[in-house]
Amino acid sequence: MSNQVQYINPDGLFKNPAFSQIVTTQGTGKTIYIGGQNSVNTQREIVGKGDISEQTELVMKNIQTALSACGATFENLVKLTIHIVQGQDLYRGFQVSQKYLSGLKNPPAITGFFVASLAHPDFLVEVDAIAFIPEE
């Protein structure tokens, strides 16, 4: 069985260059599950209180650090789930995330939704991720 990741945007579903509708993995490899990342830095400080753009920047950097620790990059992402506190500007957060995702040959599948609150009242956004590195 060959190893492969397939990104699918079938006819009949909305096609958007920012995300894939379906991602499948087949074969052996390493699956990476990254728990919800928020805007806490290495000194345990909340960065960007009240600023979704600044928080999203650190969230994406935290995901990049987690991927790198596993030998992966954003190219290996297959799924992102984005939690945004109600009342925040989705577009501002999305603009920041696109600095990291817009150049991908195959963007991951993405699910985003608004929530009443997150684990700390100063958190405005949290993102969890799944990546896959096929064995060669």
Protein backbone atom coordinates (compact mmCIF):
# COMPACT_ATOMS: atom_id res chain seq x y z
CA MET A 1 0.00 0.00 0.00
CA SER A 2 1.44 3.37 -0.91
CA ASN A 3 1.46 6.23 1.54
CA GLN A 4 -0.48 9.25 0.53
CA VAL A 5 -2.40 12.28 1.64
CA GLN A 6 -5.16 13.37 -0.68
CA TYR A 7 -6.84 16.79 -0.63
CA ILE A 8 -10.27 16.68 -2.28
CA ASN A 9 -12.57 19.50 -3.36
CA PRO A 10 -15.23 17.64 -5.30
CA ASP A 11 -17.69 19.12 -7.73
CA GLY A 12 -20.85 19.93 -5.87
CA LEU A 13 -19.02 21.46 -2.87
CA PHE A 14 -17.84 25.05 -2.49
CA LYS A 15 -14.22 25.46 -3.60
CA ASN A 16 -12.15 27.93 -1.59
CA PRO A 17 -8.37 28.33 -1.92
CA ALA A 18 -8.10 28.91 1.85
CA PHE A 19 -9.16 25.39 2.86
CA SER A 20 -9.86 21.89 1.55
CA GLN A 21 -13.26 20.26 1.93
CA ILE A 22 -11.89 16.74 2.46
CA VAL A 23 -8.48 15.34 3.39
CA THR A 24 -7.76 11.60 3.43
CA THR A 25 -4.66 9.77 4.61
CA GLN A 26 -3.74 6.29 3.49
CA GLY A 27 -0.82 4.06 4.37
CA THR A 28 1.61 4.26 7.22
CA GLY A 29 3.13 7.36 8.66
CA LYS A 30 3.01 9.60 11.66
CA THR A 31 -0.21 11.33 12.68
CA ILE A 32 0.28 14.39 14.87
CA TYR A 33 -2.52 15.66 17.10
CA ILE A 34 -1.89 19.17 18.46
CA GLY A 35 -4.07 20.17 21.38
CA GLY A 36 -5.76 23.56 21.49
CA GLN A 37 -3.20 26.32 21.18
CA ASN A 38 -3.92 29.72 22.65
CA SER A 39 -2.00 32.95 23.15
CA VAL A 40 0.21 31.86 26.05
CA ASN A 41 3.93 32.36 25.51
CA THR A 42 6.81 30.36 27.00
CA GLN A 43 6.82 32.61 30.08
CA ARG A 44 3.17 31.59 30.73
CA GLU A 45 1.95 35.09 29.88
CA ILE A 46 -1.20 35.78 27.87
CA VAL A 47 -0.18 37.78 24.82
CA GLY A 48 -2.50 40.18 23.01
CA LYS A 49 -5.21 40.69 25.62
CA GLY A 50 -8.19 42.13 23.75
CA ASP A 51 -6.52 41.80 20.31
CA ILE A 52 -7.57 38.81 18.20
CA SER A 53 -4.92 39.56 15.56
CA GLU A 54 -2.07 39.46 18.06
CA GLN A 55 -3.48 36.35 19.72
CA THR A 56 -3.92 34.56 16.39
CA GLU A 57 -0.31 35.38 15.49
CA LEU A 58 0.97 33.63 18.63
CA VAL A 59 -1.46 30.73 18.18
CA MET A 60 -0.11 30.12 14.66
CA LYS A 61 3.49 30.40 15.90
CA ASN A 62 2.68 27.89 18.66
CA ILE A 63 1.26 25.48 16.07
CA GLN A 64 4.37 25.98 13.94
CA THR A 65 6.56 25.18 16.97
CA ALA A 66 4.54 22.04 17.73
CA LEU A 67 4.73 20.86 14.13
CA SER A 68 8.48 21.50 14.00
CA ALA A 69 9.01 19.52 17.21
CA CYS A 70 7.52 16.52 15.38
CA GLY A 71 9.45 17.01 12.14
CA ALA A 72 6.46 18.53 10.34
CA THR A 73 5.51 21.84 8.73
CA PHE A 74 2.26 23.56 7.82
CA GLU A 75 2.42 21.53 4.57
CA ASN A 76 1.65 18.44 6.67
CA LEU A 77 -1.56 19.86 8.16
CA VAL A 78 -4.70 17.95 7.32
CA LYS A 79 -7.18 19.57 9.77
CA LEU A 80 -7.55 22.75 11.82
CA THR A 81 -10.36 23.47 14.25
CA ILE A 82 -10.71 27.12 15.23
CA HIS A 83 -12.63 28.31 18.29
CA ILE A 84 -13.34 32.06 18.41
CA VAL A 85 -15.05 33.86 21.27
CA GLN A 86 -18.39 35.37 20.25
CA GLY A 87 -18.16 39.03 19.32
CA GLN A 88 -14.61 38.80 17.93
CA ASP A 89 -13.78 39.81 14.38
CA LEU A 90 -13.36 36.54 12.47
CA TYR A 91 -11.88 38.33 9.46
CA ARG A 92 -9.02 39.90 11.48
CA GLY A 93 -8.03 36.51 12.87
CA PHE A 94 -8.37 34.89 9.45
CA GLN A 95 -6.06 37.50 7.87
CA VAL A 96 -3.32 36.62 10.34
CA SER A 97 -3.71 32.87 9.84
CA GLN A 98 -3.42 33.29 6.08
CA LYS A 99 0.17 34.54 6.53
CA TYR A 100 0.92 30.93 7.47
CA LEU A 101 -1.55 29.05 5.28
CA SER A 102 -2.04 30.96 2.03
CA GLY A 103 1.10 29.62 0.35
CA LEU A 104 0.26 25.98 0.96
CA LYS A 105 -0.13 23.81 -2.13
CA ASN A 106 -2.93 21.97 -0.35
CA PRO A 107 -4.56 23.81 2.55
CA PRO A 108 -5.99 21.70 5.38
CA ALA A 109 -9.65 21.08 6.05
CA ILE A 110 -10.81 23.79 8.47
CA THR A 111 -13.73 24.01 10.85
CA GLY A 112 -14.39 27.25 12.70
CA PHE A 113 -17.04 28.22 15.15
CA PHE A 114 -17.89 30.82 17.74
CA VAL A 115 -17.96 29.87 21.42
CA ALA A 116 -19.25 31.68 24.49
CA SER A 117 -15.84 31.52 26.18
CA LEU A 118 -12.56 29.62 26.34
CA ALA A 119 -10.51 28.27 29.28
CA HIS A 120 -9.41 31.76 30.39
CA PRO A 121 -11.49 34.94 30.04
CA ASP A 122 -8.63 36.71 28.19
CA PHE A 123 -8.40 34.03 25.47
CA LEU A 124 -10.09 35.15 22.24
CA VAL A 125 -9.07 32.29 19.94
CA GLU A 126 -7.88 28.69 20.25
CA VAL A 127 -6.84 26.33 17.46
CA ASP A 128 -6.18 22.60 17.47
CA ALA A 129 -4.57 20.79 14.56
CA ILE A 130 -3.95 17.39 13.00
CA ALA A 131 -1.01 16.72 10.70
CA PHE A 132 0.20 13.62 8.87
CA ILE A 133 3.70 12.72 7.70
CA PRO A 134 3.66 9.72 5.35
CA GLU A 135 6.47 7.18 5.70
CA GLU A 136 8.72 7.15 2.68
